[in-house]
């Protein structure tokens, strides 16, 4: 018979809490606000994303914004 210790991490829920432990609550809400206001994400979509999925979308958006900034900087040099 298998016994469980009281100090287990909580399965998948514990794993995902560990994945987002580096993000502060204030930063989480600030990022959600910016995604909703400036990039037309809905709060429903943001709150139903898996933590890794949200991180991927934020990273892709950040990369795209940096590319656009660089592209506009090059156009301004002409």
C-alpha atoms as a PDB file:
ATOM      1  CA  UNK A   1       0.000   0.000   0.000  1.00  0.00           C
ATOM      2  CA  UNK A   2       1.308   3.431  -0.914  1.00  0.00           C
ATOM      3  CA  UNK A   3       1.426   6.201   1.663  1.00  0.00           C
ATOM      4  CA  UNK A   4       1.784   9.895   0.951  1.00  0.00           C
ATOM      5  CA  UNK A   5       3.775  12.374   2.941  1.00  0.00           C
ATOM      6  CA  UNK A   6       2.044  15.499   4.172  1.00  0.00           C
ATOM      7  CA  UNK A   7       4.718  17.686   2.567  1.00  0.00           C
ATOM      8  CA  UNK A   8       4.084  16.807  -1.094  1.00  0.00           C
ATOM      9  CA  UNK A   9       3.934  19.688  -3.577  1.00  0.00           C
ATOM     10  CA  UNK A  10       0.333  19.171  -4.701  1.00  0.00           C
ATOM     11  CA  UNK A  11       0.751  17.559  -8.111  1.00  0.00           C
ATOM     12  CA  UNK A  12       0.130  19.693 -11.186  1.00  0.00           C
ATOM     13  CA  UNK A  13      -1.148  22.648  -9.144  1.00  0.00           C
ATOM     14  CA  UNK A  14       2.093  22.760  -7.201  1.00  0.00           C
ATOM     15  CA  UNK A  15       4.086  22.521 -10.404  1.00  0.00           C
ATOM     16  CA  UNK A  16       2.324  25.524 -11.957  1.00  0.00           C
ATOM     17  CA  UNK A  17       2.633  27.576  -8.764  1.00  0.00           C
ATOM     18  CA  UNK A  18       6.359  26.849  -8.878  1.00  0.00           C
ATOM     19  CA  UNK A  19       6.505  27.890 -12.574  1.00  0.00           C
ATOM     20  CA  UNK A  20       5.106  31.375 -11.893  1.00  0.00           C
ATOM     21  CA  UNK A  21       6.726  31.966  -8.518  1.00  0.00           C
ATOM     22  CA  UNK A  22       9.212  34.445 -10.022  1.00  0.00           C
ATOM     23  CA  UNK A  23       6.426  36.813 -11.142  1.00  0.00           C
ATOM     24  CA  UNK A  24       5.108  39.240  -8.536  1.00  0.00           C
ATOM     25  CA  UNK A  25       1.389  39.739  -8.114  1.00  0.00           C
ATOM     26  CA  UNK A  26       1.724  43.427  -9.016  1.00  0.00           C
ATOM     27  CA  UNK A  27       3.597  42.558 -12.224  1.00  0.00           C
ATOM     28  CA  UNK A  28       0.997  39.930 -13.103  1.00  0.00           C
ATOM     29  CA  UNK A  29      -1.864  42.458 -12.870  1.00  0.00           C
ATOM     30  CA  UNK A  30       0.135  45.178 -14.629  1.00  0.00           C
ATOM     31  CA  UNK A  31       0.914  42.852 -17.527  1.00  0.00           C
ATOM     32  CA  UNK A  32      -2.721  41.733 -17.742  1.00  0.00           C
ATOM     33  CA  UNK A  33      -3.857  45.358 -17.836  1.00  0.00           C
ATOM     34  CA  UNK A  34      -1.416  46.237 -20.613  1.00  0.00           C
ATOM     35  CA  UNK A  35      -2.386  43.168 -22.645  1.00  0.00           C
ATOM     36  CA  UNK A  36      -6.069  44.064 -22.325  1.00  0.00           C
ATOM     37  CA  UNK A  37      -5.707  47.798 -23.015  1.00  0.00           C
ATOM     38  CA  UNK A  38      -3.090  47.834 -25.742  1.00  0.00           C
ATOM     39  CA  UNK A  39      -3.297  44.414 -27.408  1.00  0.00           C
ATOM     40  CA  UNK A  40      -7.000  43.465 -27.166  1.00  0.00           C
ATOM     41  CA  UNK A  41      -6.674  40.349 -25.018  1.00  0.00           C
ATOM     42  CA  UNK A  42      -9.728  39.577 -22.893  1.00  0.00           C
ATOM     43  CA  UNK A  43      -9.425  38.970 -19.162  1.00  0.00           C
ATOM     44  CA  UNK A  44     -11.196  35.648 -19.683  1.00  0.00           C
ATOM     45  CA  UNK A  45      -8.521  34.523 -22.157  1.00  0.00           C
ATOM     46  CA  UNK A  46      -5.667  35.705 -19.946  1.00  0.00           C
ATOM     47  CA  UNK A  47      -6.974  34.020 -16.814  1.00  0.00           C
ATOM     48  CA  UNK A  48      -7.657  30.733 -18.603  1.00  0.00           C
ATOM     49  CA  UNK A  49      -4.179  30.404 -20.099  1.00  0.00           C
ATOM     50  CA  UNK A  50      -1.751  27.942 -18.645  1.00  0.00           C
ATOM     51  CA  UNK A  51       1.147  29.804 -16.972  1.00  0.00           C
ATOM     52  CA  UNK A  52       3.644  28.652 -19.594  1.00  0.00           C
ATOM     53  CA  UNK A  53       1.227  29.612 -22.395  1.00  0.00           C
ATOM     54  CA  UNK A  54       0.878  33.160 -21.032  1.00  0.00           C
ATOM     55  CA  UNK A  55       4.658  33.439 -20.755  1.00  0.00           C
ATOM     56  CA  UNK A  56       5.094  32.348 -24.383  1.00  0.00           C
ATOM     57  CA  UNK A  57       2.557  34.891 -25.668  1.00  0.00           C
ATOM     58  CA  UNK A  58       4.128  37.698 -23.626  1.00  0.00           C
ATOM     59  CA  UNK A  59       7.590  36.758 -24.949  1.00  0.00           C
ATOM     60  CA  UNK A  60       6.382  36.636 -28.566  1.00  0.00           C
ATOM     61  CA  UNK A  61       4.652  39.998 -28.176  1.00  0.00           C
ATOM     62  CA  UNK A  62       7.763  41.516 -26.595  1.00  0.00           C
ATOM     63  CA  UNK A  63       9.944  40.246 -29.452  1.00  0.00           C
ATOM     64  CA  UNK A  64       7.506  41.619 -32.036  1.00  0.00           C
ATOM     65  CA  UNK A  65       7.401  45.032 -30.334  1.00  0.00           C
ATOM     66  CA  UNK A  66      11.210  45.169 -30.280  1.00  0.00           C
ATOM     67  CA  UNK A  67      11.337  44.295 -33.996  1.00  0.00           C
ATOM     68  CA  UNK A  68       8.793  47.009 -34.799  1.00  0.00           C
ATOM     69  CA  UNK A  69      10.743  49.531 -32.732  1.00  0.00           C
ATOM     70  CA  UNK A  70      13.962  48.640 -34.567  1.00  0.00           C
ATOM     71  CA  UNK A  71      12.213  48.778 -37.935  1.00  0.00           C
ATOM     72  CA  UNK A  72      10.721  52.213 -37.214  1.00  0.00           C
ATOM     73  CA  UNK A  73      14.105  53.421 -35.986  1.00  0.00           C
ATOM     74  CA  UNK A  74      15.667  52.416 -39.292  1.00  0.00           C
ATOM     75  CA  UNK A  75      12.922  54.184 -41.252  1.00  0.00           C
ATOM     76  CA  UNK A  76      13.537  57.367 -39.262  1.00  0.00           C
ATOM     77  CA  UNK A  77      17.225  57.368 -40.248  1.00  0.00           C
ATOM     78  CA  UNK A  78      16.454  57.932 -43.926  1.00  0.00           C
END
